[in-house]
Amino acid sequence: MPKINSDVRMVTAYRPHMKIIGDILATTKDDLHLDGGASVTYLIRKANVSHTRISKILSNLVSQGLLEQVSSEGTFRYKISSNGREFLVAYQTFSRFAENFGLVI
């Protein structure tokens, strides 16, 4: 008779790359009390992404003009740009639209 493993494992849902980008942009937009911008550490915690992965994503978002990178006290901080705000609104609108049809993006 096979042994049954009684361990309960939680399976986390896969989060698409676009959802992570949306989370990062929303964090930099919503946390306006961070006048100097959001630190990498803060974004890692809020977006729940590893340092290696978020570094690549932040670099891409800055090069695409969706985030602004600001140097502050020897470290980089990130603020959402006007293009980033437009992108975030469009992304959120499309996400809601897709959810209304039962689609997950």
Protein backbone atom coordinates (compact mmCIF):
# COMPACT_ATOMS: atom_id res chain seq x y z
CA MET A 1 0.00 0.00 0.00
CA PRO A 2 1.49 3.41 -0.95
CA LYS A 3 2.36 5.81 1.82
CA ILE A 4 0.16 8.90 1.86
CA ASN A 5 1.95 12.15 2.52
CA SER A 6 0.02 14.09 5.12
CA ASP A 7 1.93 17.34 4.51
CA VAL A 8 -0.33 20.15 3.44
CA ARG A 9 1.29 22.29 0.80
CA MET A 10 0.05 25.67 -0.15
CA VAL A 11 0.25 26.39 -3.82
CA THR A 12 0.56 30.03 -4.69
CA ALA A 13 -1.03 31.25 -7.85
CA TYR A 14 1.30 32.23 -10.64
CA ARG A 15 1.39 35.99 -11.06
CA PRO A 16 1.92 37.12 -14.65
CA HIS A 17 4.66 39.62 -15.46
CA MET A 18 2.08 42.28 -16.35
CA LYS A 19 0.44 41.90 -12.93
CA ILE A 20 3.80 42.46 -11.25
CA ILE A 21 4.39 45.56 -13.38
CA GLY A 22 0.92 46.80 -12.45
CA ASP A 23 1.66 46.21 -8.76
CA ILE A 24 4.95 48.12 -8.97
CA LEU A 25 3.38 51.07 -10.80
CA ALA A 26 0.43 51.13 -8.41
CA THR A 27 2.79 51.13 -5.42
CA THR A 28 4.79 54.06 -6.78
CA LYS A 29 1.56 55.92 -7.56
CA ASP A 30 -0.43 55.21 -4.40
CA ASP A 31 2.27 55.82 -1.82
CA LEU A 32 2.49 59.56 -2.39
CA HIS A 33 3.80 60.17 1.12
CA LEU A 34 7.11 58.96 -0.29
CA ASP A 35 8.02 62.32 -1.79
CA GLY A 36 11.51 61.13 -2.61
CA GLY A 37 10.19 58.04 -4.35
CA ALA A 38 10.01 54.39 -3.37
CA SER A 39 13.18 52.49 -2.50
CA VAL A 40 13.97 49.11 -4.02
CA THR A 41 13.49 47.47 -0.62
CA TYR A 42 10.07 49.05 -0.23
CA LEU A 43 9.02 47.91 -3.70
CA ILE A 44 10.29 44.38 -3.03
CA ARG A 45 8.07 44.16 0.05
CA LYS A 46 4.98 45.77 -1.49
CA ALA A 47 5.17 43.95 -4.85
CA ASN A 48 6.43 40.68 -3.30
CA VAL A 49 9.19 40.17 -5.87
CA SER A 50 12.80 39.04 -5.42
CA HIS A 51 15.61 41.58 -5.63
CA THR A 52 17.05 40.04 -8.79
CA ARG A 53 13.72 40.07 -10.59
CA ILE A 54 12.66 43.54 -9.49
CA SER A 55 16.02 45.01 -10.53
CA LYS A 56 15.44 43.83 -14.10
CA ILE A 57 11.84 45.03 -14.11
CA LEU A 58 12.74 48.46 -12.69
CA SER A 59 15.49 48.90 -15.27
CA ASN A 60 13.01 48.07 -18.02
CA LEU A 61 10.31 50.39 -16.65
CA VAL A 62 12.79 53.27 -16.41
CA SER A 63 14.07 52.68 -19.96
CA GLN A 64 10.45 52.60 -21.23
CA GLY A 65 9.69 55.89 -19.48
CA LEU A 66 7.09 54.45 -17.10
CA LEU A 67 9.16 55.12 -13.97
CA GLU A 68 11.60 57.86 -13.06
CA GLN A 69 14.78 56.89 -11.24
CA VAL A 70 15.93 59.44 -8.66
CA SER A 71 19.24 59.33 -6.82
CA SER A 72 18.77 60.07 -3.13
CA GLU A 73 21.38 59.71 -0.40
CA GLY A 74 23.47 57.24 -2.39
CA THR A 75 20.56 55.03 -3.38
CA PHE A 76 18.02 54.93 -6.17
CA ARG A 77 14.36 55.67 -5.61
CA TYR A 78 11.53 55.31 -8.09
CA LYS A 79 8.56 57.51 -8.95
CA ILE A 80 5.82 56.88 -11.46
CA SER A 81 6.02 59.11 -14.56
CA SER A 82 3.08 60.65 -16.38
CA ASN A 83 3.42 57.91 -19.03
CA GLY A 84 3.45 55.36 -16.22
CA ARG A 85 0.20 56.81 -14.84
CA GLU A 86 -1.43 56.55 -18.28
CA PHE A 87 -0.21 52.98 -18.68
CA LEU A 88 -1.47 52.03 -15.21
CA VAL A 89 -4.95 53.43 -15.88
CA ALA A 90 -5.12 51.55 -19.20
CA TYR A 91 -3.85 48.34 -17.57
CA GLN A 92 -6.36 48.55 -14.71
CA THR A 93 -9.20 49.29 -17.12
CA PHE A 94 -8.29 46.32 -19.30
CA SER A 95 -7.87 44.05 -16.26
CA ARG A 96 -11.38 44.87 -15.05
CA PHE A 97 -12.75 44.37 -18.57
CA ALA A 98 -11.06 40.97 -18.86
CA GLU A 99 -12.28 39.90 -15.40
CA ASN A 100 -15.85 40.70 -16.45
CA PHE A 101 -15.45 38.00 -19.10
CA GLY A 102 -13.82 35.56 -16.70
CA LEU A 103 -10.34 36.06 -18.12
CA VAL A 104 -7.25 36.35 -15.96
CA ILE A 105 -4.39 38.44 -17.31
